[in-house]
PDB file of N, CA and C in Angstrom:
ATOM      1  N   MET A   1      49.433  25.040 -61.193  1.00  0.00           N
ATOM      2  CA  MET A   1      50.530  25.631 -61.610  1.00  0.00           C
ATOM      3  C   MET A   1      50.775  26.544 -60.763  1.00  0.00           C
ATOM      4  N   ILE A   2      52.299  26.667 -60.667  1.00  0.00           N
ATOM      5  CA  ILE A   2      53.071  27.704 -60.108  1.00  0.00           C
ATOM      6  C   ILE A   2      53.844  28.507 -60.517  1.00  0.00           C
ATOM      7  N   THR A   3      54.489  29.838 -59.854  1.00  0.00           N
ATOM      8  CA  THR A   3      55.014  30.510 -60.913  1.00  0.00           C
ATOM      9  C   THR A   3      56.535  30.804 -59.296  1.00  0.00           C
ATOM     10  N   ILE A   4      56.925  31.272 -60.280  1.00  0.00           N
ATOM     11  CA  ILE A   4      58.877  31.161 -59.337  1.00  0.00           C
ATOM     12  C   ILE A   4      58.592  32.848 -60.385  1.00  0.00           C
ATOM     13  N   SER A   5      58.729  33.735 -59.195  1.00  0.00           N
ATOM     14  CA  SER A   5      59.294  35.694 -59.399  1.00  0.00           C
ATOM     15  C   SER A   5      61.229  35.350 -59.790  1.00  0.00           C
ATOM     16  N   LEU A   6      61.755  35.778 -60.482  1.00  0.00           N
ATOM     17  CA  LEU A   6      63.256  35.270 -60.783  1.00  0.00           C
ATOM     18  C   LEU A   6      63.965  36.328 -61.428  1.00  0.00           C
ATOM     19  N   ALA A   7      64.733  37.606 -60.672  1.00  0.00           N
ATOM     20  CA  ALA A   7      65.371  38.438 -62.495  1.00  0.00           C
ATOM     21  C   ALA A   7      66.229  37.720 -63.131  1.00  0.00           C
ATOM     22  N   MET A   8      66.650  36.730 -62.054  1.00  0.00           N
ATOM     23  CA  MET A   8      68.669  36.369 -62.984  1.00  0.00           C
ATOM     24  C   MET A   8      68.270  34.813 -63.162  1.00  0.00           C
ATOM     25  N   SER A   9      69.023  34.478 -64.020  1.00  0.00           N
ATOM     26  CA  SER A   9      70.044  32.635 -64.081  1.00  0.00           C
ATOM     27  C   SER A   9      68.363  32.193 -63.994  1.00  0.00           C
ATOM     28  N   GLN A  10      67.565  32.406 -65.205  1.00  0.00           N
ATOM     29  CA  GLN A  10      66.015  32.200 -65.402  1.00  0.00           C
ATOM     30  C   GLN A  10      66.040  30.714 -65.936  1.00  0.00           C
ATOM     31  N   ASP A  11      66.912  31.070 -66.602  1.00  0.00           N
ATOM     32  CA  ASP A  11      67.241  29.878 -68.126  1.00  0.00           C
ATOM     33  C   ASP A  11      68.251  28.340 -66.887  1.00  0.00           C
ATOM     34  N   LYS A  12      68.974  28.925 -66.121  1.00  0.00           N
ATOM     35  CA  LYS A  12      69.269  27.588 -64.995  1.00  0.00           C
ATOM     36  C   LYS A  12      68.116  27.083 -64.222  1.00  0.00           C
ATOM     37  N   ALA A  13      67.479  27.934 -63.479  1.00  0.00           N
ATOM     38  CA  ALA A  13      66.141  27.876 -63.084  1.00  0.00           C
ATOM     39  C   ALA A  13      65.171  26.864 -63.720  1.00  0.00           C
ATOM     40  N   ILE A  14      64.880  27.334 -65.068  1.00  0.00           N
ATOM     41  CA  ILE A  14      64.206  26.373 -65.660  1.00  0.00           C
ATOM     42  C   ILE A  14      65.173  24.806 -65.847  1.00  0.00           C
ATOM     43  N   ALA A  15      65.944  24.652 -66.230  1.00  0.00           N
ATOM     44  CA  ALA A  15      66.313  23.778 -66.402  1.00  0.00           C
ATOM     45  C   ALA A  15      67.058  22.763 -65.673  1.00  0.00           C
ATOM     46  N   LEU A  16      67.199  23.381 -64.141  1.00  0.00           N
ATOM     47  CA  LEU A  16      66.623  22.712 -63.055  1.00  0.00           C
ATOM     48  C   LEU A  16      65.287  22.086 -62.676  1.00  0.00           C
ATOM     49  N   LEU A  17      64.593  22.472 -62.575  1.00  0.00           N
ATOM     50  CA  LEU A  17      62.808  22.183 -62.193  1.00  0.00           C
ATOM     51  C   LEU A  17      62.537  20.830 -63.258  1.00  0.00           C
ATOM     52  N   GLU A  18      62.700  21.822 -64.415  1.00  0.00           N
ATOM     53  CA  GLU A  18      62.391  20.258 -65.730  1.00  0.00           C
ATOM     54  C   GLU A  18      63.178  19.104 -65.614  1.00  0.00           C
ATOM     55  N   ALA A  19      64.640  18.959 -64.818  1.00  0.00           N
ATOM     56  CA  ALA A  19      65.532  17.669 -64.899  1.00  0.00           C
ATOM     57  C   ALA A  19      64.819  17.264 -63.615  1.00  0.00           C
ATOM     58  N   TYR A  20      63.934  17.223 -62.744  1.00  0.00           N
ATOM     59  CA  TYR A  20      64.216  16.992 -61.311  1.00  0.00           C
ATOM     60  C   TYR A  20      63.285  16.047 -61.610  1.00  0.00           C
ATOM     61  N   THR A  21      63.741  14.832 -61.023  1.00  0.00           N
ATOM     62  CA  THR A  21      63.250  13.538 -61.100  1.00  0.00           C
ATOM     63  C   THR A  21      62.805  12.911 -59.793  1.00  0.00           C
ATOM     64  N   GLY A  22      62.971  13.114 -58.314  1.00  0.00           N
ATOM     65  CA  GLY A  22      63.201  13.235 -57.614  1.00  0.00           C
ATOM     66  C   GLY A  22      62.068  12.860 -56.339  1.00  0.00           C
ATOM     67  N   GLY A  23      61.070  12.918 -57.038  1.00  0.00           N
ATOM     68  CA  GLY A  23      60.613  12.718 -56.097  1.00  0.00           C
ATOM     69  C   GLY A  23      58.805  12.607 -56.778  1.00  0.00           C
ATOM     70  N   ASP A  24      57.896  13.476 -55.532  1.00  0.00           N
ATOM     71  CA  ASP A  24      56.335  13.213 -56.167  1.00  0.00           C
ATOM     72  C   ASP A  24      55.529  14.460 -56.840  1.00  0.00           C
ATOM     73  N   PHE A  25      56.964  15.399 -57.542  1.00  0.00           N
ATOM     74  CA  PHE A  25      56.740  16.470 -58.007  1.00  0.00           C
ATOM     75  C   PHE A  25      57.270  16.101 -59.573  1.00  0.00           C
ATOM     76  N   THR A  26      56.436  16.623 -60.392  1.00  0.00           N
ATOM     77  CA  THR A  26      57.489  17.156 -62.039  1.00  0.00           C
ATOM     78  C   THR A  26      57.115  18.753 -62.404  1.00  0.00           C
ATOM     79  N   PHE A  27      57.753  18.991 -62.246  1.00  0.00           N
ATOM     80  CA  PHE A  27      57.715  20.438 -63.421  1.00  0.00           C
ATOM     81  C   PHE A  27      57.715  20.880 -65.255  1.00  0.00           C
ATOM     82  N   LYS A  28      56.702  21.236 -65.546  1.00  0.00           N
ATOM     83  CA  LYS A  28      56.920  21.758 -66.869  1.00  0.00           C
ATOM     84  C   LYS A  28      56.831  22.990 -67.013  1.00  0.00           C
ATOM     85  N   TYR A  29      57.767  23.288 -68.238  1.00  0.00           N
ATOM     86  CA  TYR A  29      57.631  24.894 -68.121  1.00  0.00           C
ATOM     87  C   TYR A  29      56.864  25.355 -69.215  1.00  0.00           C
ATOM     88  N   VAL A  30      56.302  26.288 -68.463  1.00  0.00           N
ATOM     89  CA  VAL A  30      54.755  27.290 -69.574  1.00  0.00           C
ATOM     90  C   VAL A  30      54.950  28.140 -70.548  1.00  0.00           C
ATOM     91  N   ASP A  31      55.058  29.502 -69.679  1.00  0.00           N
ATOM     92  CA  ASP A  31      54.894  30.702 -69.837  1.00  0.00           C
ATOM     93  C   ASP A  31      56.052  31.431 -68.948  1.00  0.00           C
ATOM     94  N   LYS A  32      56.626  32.728 -69.743  1.00  0.00           N
ATOM     95  CA  LYS A  32      57.015  33.369 -68.900  1.00  0.00           C
ATOM     96  C   LYS A  32      56.399  35.182 -68.945  1.00  0.00           C
ATOM     97  N   THR A  33      56.641  35.631 -68.417  1.00  0.00           N
ATOM     98  CA  THR A  33      55.488  36.947 -68.146  1.00  0.00           C
ATOM     99  C   THR A  33      56.549  38.070 -67.609  1.00  0.00           C
ATOM    100  N   GLY A  34      57.552  38.832 -67.689  1.00  0.00           N
ATOM    101  CA  GLY A  34      58.041  39.561 -67.177  1.00  0.00           C
ATOM    102  C   GLY A  34      59.446  38.576 -66.514  1.00  0.00           C
ATOM    103  N   ILE A  35      59.668  38.606 -65.007  1.00  0.00           N
ATOM    104  CA  ILE A  35      60.740  37.856 -64.130  1.00  0.00           C
ATOM    105  C   ILE A  35      59.389  36.764 -63.753  1.00  0.00           C
ATOM    106  N   LYS A  36      58.211  36.310 -64.352  1.00  0.00           N
ATOM    107  CA  LYS A  36      56.939  35.503 -63.213  1.00  0.00           C
ATOM    108  C   LYS A  36      57.079  34.391 -64.484  1.00  0.00           C
ATOM    109  N   LEU A  37      57.724  33.045 -63.856  1.00  0.00           N
ATOM    110  CA  LEU A  37      58.114  32.177 -64.760  1.00  0.00           C
ATOM    111  C   LEU A  37      56.675  31.294 -64.457  1.00  0.00           C
ATOM    112  N   LYS A  38      55.639  30.290 -65.325  1.00  0.00           N
ATOM    113  CA  LYS A  38      55.316  29.448 -65.059  1.00  0.00           C
ATOM    114  C   LYS A  38      55.091  27.987 -65.414  1.00  0.00           C
ATOM    115  N   PHE A  39      55.144  27.203 -65.047  1.00  0.00           N
ATOM    116  CA  PHE A  39      55.033  25.567 -64.854  1.00  0.00           C
ATOM    117  C   PHE A  39      53.797  24.881 -64.270  1.00  0.00           C
ATOM    118  N   GLU A  40      53.553  24.248 -64.580  1.00  0.00           N
ATOM    119  CA  GLU A  40      52.629  23.157 -64.973  1.00  0.00           C
ATOM    120  C   GLU A  40      53.535  21.818 -63.807  1.00  0.00           C
ATOM    121  N   VAL A  41      52.776  21.934 -62.529  1.00  0.00           N
ATOM    122  CA  VAL A  41      53.094  20.411 -61.879  1.00  0.00           C
ATOM    123  C   VAL A  41      52.175  19.692 -61.766  1.00  0.00           C
ATOM    124  N   THR A  42      52.784  18.821 -61.521  1.00  0.00           N
ATOM    125  CA  THR A  42      52.279  17.015 -60.987  1.00  0.00           C
ATOM    126  C   THR A  42      52.323  17.157 -59.676  1.00  0.00           C
ATOM    127  N   GLY A  43      51.023  16.424 -58.832  1.00  0.00           N
ATOM    128  CA  GLY A  43      51.157  16.261 -57.307  1.00  0.00           C
ATOM    129  C   GLY A  43      50.634  17.745 -56.663  1.00  0.00           C
ATOM    130  N   ASP A  44      50.670  17.575 -55.630  1.00  0.00           N
ATOM    131  CA  ASP A  44      50.484  18.854 -54.679  1.00  0.00           C
ATOM    132  C   ASP A  44      51.169  20.057 -54.986  1.00  0.00           C
ATOM    133  N   ALA A  45      50.490  21.195 -55.631  1.00  0.00           N
ATOM    134  CA  ALA A  45      51.179  22.444 -55.645  1.00  0.00           C
ATOM    135  C   ALA A  45      52.514  23.062 -54.609  1.00  0.00           C
ATOM    136  N   GLU A  46      51.439  23.481 -53.224  1.00  0.00           N
ATOM    137  CA  GLU A  46      52.377  23.416 -51.977  1.00  0.00           C
ATOM    138  C   GLU A  46      53.600  23.120 -51.980  1.00  0.00           C
ATOM    139  N   GLY A  47      53.506  21.579 -52.194  1.00  0.00           N
ATOM    140  CA  GLY A  47      54.638  20.630 -51.836  1.00  0.00           C
ATOM    141  C   GLY A  47      55.480  21.120 -53.300  1.00  0.00           C
ATOM    142  N   ALA A  48      55.211  21.398 -53.808  1.00  0.00           N
ATOM    143  CA  ALA A  48      55.902  21.210 -55.496  1.00  0.00           C
ATOM    144  C   ALA A  48      56.759  23.008 -55.178  1.00  0.00           C
ATOM    145  N   VAL A  49      56.044  24.214 -55.007  1.00  0.00           N
ATOM    146  CA  VAL A  49      56.772  25.125 -54.369  1.00  0.00           C
ATOM    147  C   VAL A  49      57.486  25.424 -53.462  1.00  0.00           C
ATOM    148  N   LYS A  50      57.345  24.416 -52.505  1.00  0.00           N
ATOM    149  CA  LYS A  50      58.323  23.986 -51.308  1.00  0.00           C
ATOM    150  C   LYS A  50      59.849  23.444 -52.008  1.00  0.00           C
ATOM    151  N   LYS A  51      59.117  22.317 -52.491  1.00  0.00           N
ATOM    152  CA  LYS A  51      60.692  21.807 -53.381  1.00  0.00           C
ATOM    153  C   LYS A  51      61.277  22.565 -54.439  1.00  0.00           C
ATOM    154  N   ALA A  52      60.718  23.718 -55.104  1.00  0.00           N
ATOM    155  CA  ALA A  52      61.722  24.623 -55.622  1.00  0.00           C
ATOM    156  C   ALA A  52      61.849  25.472 -55.112  1.00  0.00           C
ATOM    157  N   LYS A  53      61.476  26.102 -54.416  1.00  0.00           N
ATOM    158  CA  LYS A  53      62.234  27.019 -53.768  1.00  0.00           C
ATOM    159  C   LYS A  53      63.733  25.901 -52.815  1.00  0.00           C
ATOM    160  N   GLU A  54      63.428  25.050 -52.646  1.00  0.00           N
ATOM    161  CA  GLU A  54      64.723  23.997 -52.043  1.00  0.00           C
ATOM    162  C   GLU A  54      65.358  23.540 -52.894  1.00  0.00           C
ATOM    163  N   LEU A  55      64.870  23.702 -54.316  1.00  0.00           N
ATOM    164  CA  LEU A  55      65.871  23.078 -55.167  1.00  0.00           C
ATOM    165  C   LEU A  55      67.356  24.078 -55.516  1.00  0.00           C
ATOM    166  N   ILE A  56      66.333  25.274 -55.820  1.00  0.00           N
ATOM    167  CA  ILE A  56      66.944  26.454 -56.211  1.00  0.00           C
ATOM    168  C   ILE A  56      68.041  27.345 -55.078  1.00  0.00           C
ATOM    169  N   LYS A  57      67.574  27.428 -54.316  1.00  0.00           N
ATOM    170  CA  LYS A  57      68.641  27.317 -53.181  1.00  0.00           C
ATOM    171  C   LYS A  57      69.700  26.799 -52.506  1.00  0.00           C
ATOM    172  N   ALA A  58      69.615  25.227 -53.530  1.00  0.00           N
ATOM    173  CA  ALA A  58      70.707  24.349 -52.875  1.00  0.00           C
ATOM    174  C   ALA A  58      71.175  24.614 -53.814  1.00  0.00           C
ATOM    175  N   GLU A  59      71.492  25.301 -55.015  1.00  0.00           N
ATOM    176  CA  GLU A  59      72.232  25.331 -55.800  1.00  0.00           C
ATOM    177  C   GLU A  59      73.526  26.688 -55.859  1.00  0.00           C
ATOM    178  N   SER A  60      75.029  26.438 -56.150  1.00  0.00           N
ATOM    179  CA  SER A  60      75.599  27.500 -56.200  1.00  0.00           C
ATOM    180  C   SER A  60      75.310  28.460 -56.454  1.00  0.00           C
ATOM    181  N   TRP A  61      74.751  28.893 -58.190  1.00  0.00           N
ATOM    182  CA  TRP A  61      74.621  30.007 -58.836  1.00  0.00           C
ATOM    183  C   TRP A  61      72.400  30.772 -57.846  1.00  0.00           C
ATOM    184  N   GLY A  62      72.030  29.839 -56.829  1.00  0.00           N
ATOM    185  CA  GLY A  62      70.908  29.884 -56.449  1.00  0.00           C
ATOM    186  C   GLY A  62      71.415  30.489 -55.017  1.00  0.00           C
ATOM    187  N   ALA A  63      71.389  30.005 -54.547  1.00  0.00           N
ATOM    188  CA  ALA A  63      71.457  30.511 -53.193  1.00  0.00           C
ATOM    189  C   ALA A  63      71.584  31.865 -52.532  1.00  0.00           C
ATOM    190  N   ASN A  64      72.016  32.941 -53.547  1.00  0.00           N
ATOM    191  CA  ASN A  64      71.758  34.517 -52.956  1.00  0.00           C
ATOM    192  C   ASN A  64      71.112  35.048 -53.646  1.00  0.00           C
ATOM    193  N   LEU A  65      70.208  34.095 -54.506  1.00  0.00           N
ATOM    194  CA  LEU A  65      69.064  34.777 -55.254  1.00  0.00           C
ATOM    195  C   LEU A  65      68.192  35.126 -54.417  1.00  0.00           C
ATOM    196  N   TYR A  66      67.402  36.454 -54.541  1.00  0.00           N
ATOM    197  CA  TYR A  66      65.933  36.805 -54.400  1.00  0.00           C
ATOM    198  C   TYR A  66      65.148  36.604 -55.506  1.00  0.00           C
ATOM    199  N   PHE A  67      64.177  35.555 -54.707  1.00  0.00           N
ATOM    200  CA  PHE A  67      63.111  35.453 -55.240  1.00  0.00           C
ATOM    201  C   PHE A  67      62.218  34.809 -54.834  1.00  0.00           C
ATOM    202  N   SER A  68      60.837  34.525 -55.473  1.00  0.00           N
ATOM    203  CA  SER A  68      59.434  33.995 -54.655  1.00  0.00           C
ATOM    204  C   SER A  68      58.651  32.921 -55.152  1.00  0.00           C
ATOM    205  N   ALA A  69      58.172  32.123 -54.941  1.00  0.00           N
ATOM    206  CA  ALA A  69      57.139  31.219 -55.537  1.00  0.00           C
ATOM    207  C   ALA A  69      56.498  30.603 -55.054  1.00  0.00           C
ATOM    208  N   SER A  70      55.105  30.439 -56.014  1.00  0.00           N
ATOM    209  CA  SER A  70      53.659  31.116 -55.174  1.00  0.00           C
ATOM    210  C   SER A  70      52.393  29.871 -56.238  1.00  0.00           C
ATOM    211  N   VAL A  71      52.034  29.227 -55.521  1.00  0.00           N
ATOM    212  CA  VAL A  71      51.086  28.773 -55.695  1.00  0.00           C
ATOM    213  C   VAL A  71      49.717  30.183 -57.572  1.00  0.00           C
ATOM    214  N   GLY A  72      50.037  29.240 -58.053  1.00  0.00           N
ATOM    215  CA  GLY A  72      49.060  30.596 -59.233  1.00  0.00           C
ATOM    216  C   GLY A  72      49.663  30.709 -60.720  1.00  0.00           C
TER     217      GLY A  72
END
């Protein structure tokens, strides 16, 4: 399980991660508590955190967002 703390563009981040099919990870949105989005992941959780950050930062709407991602 990974957690992404993101105040803006939450719907876009959820859609982006759930649509990702390009590698060793899959992301499934589970729950939201405040600004924390929780995802179940397949594969290495640390690697999934890095990939989630990379994917969000690569988007035009995500390049300037302040967010964090962590295991747990």
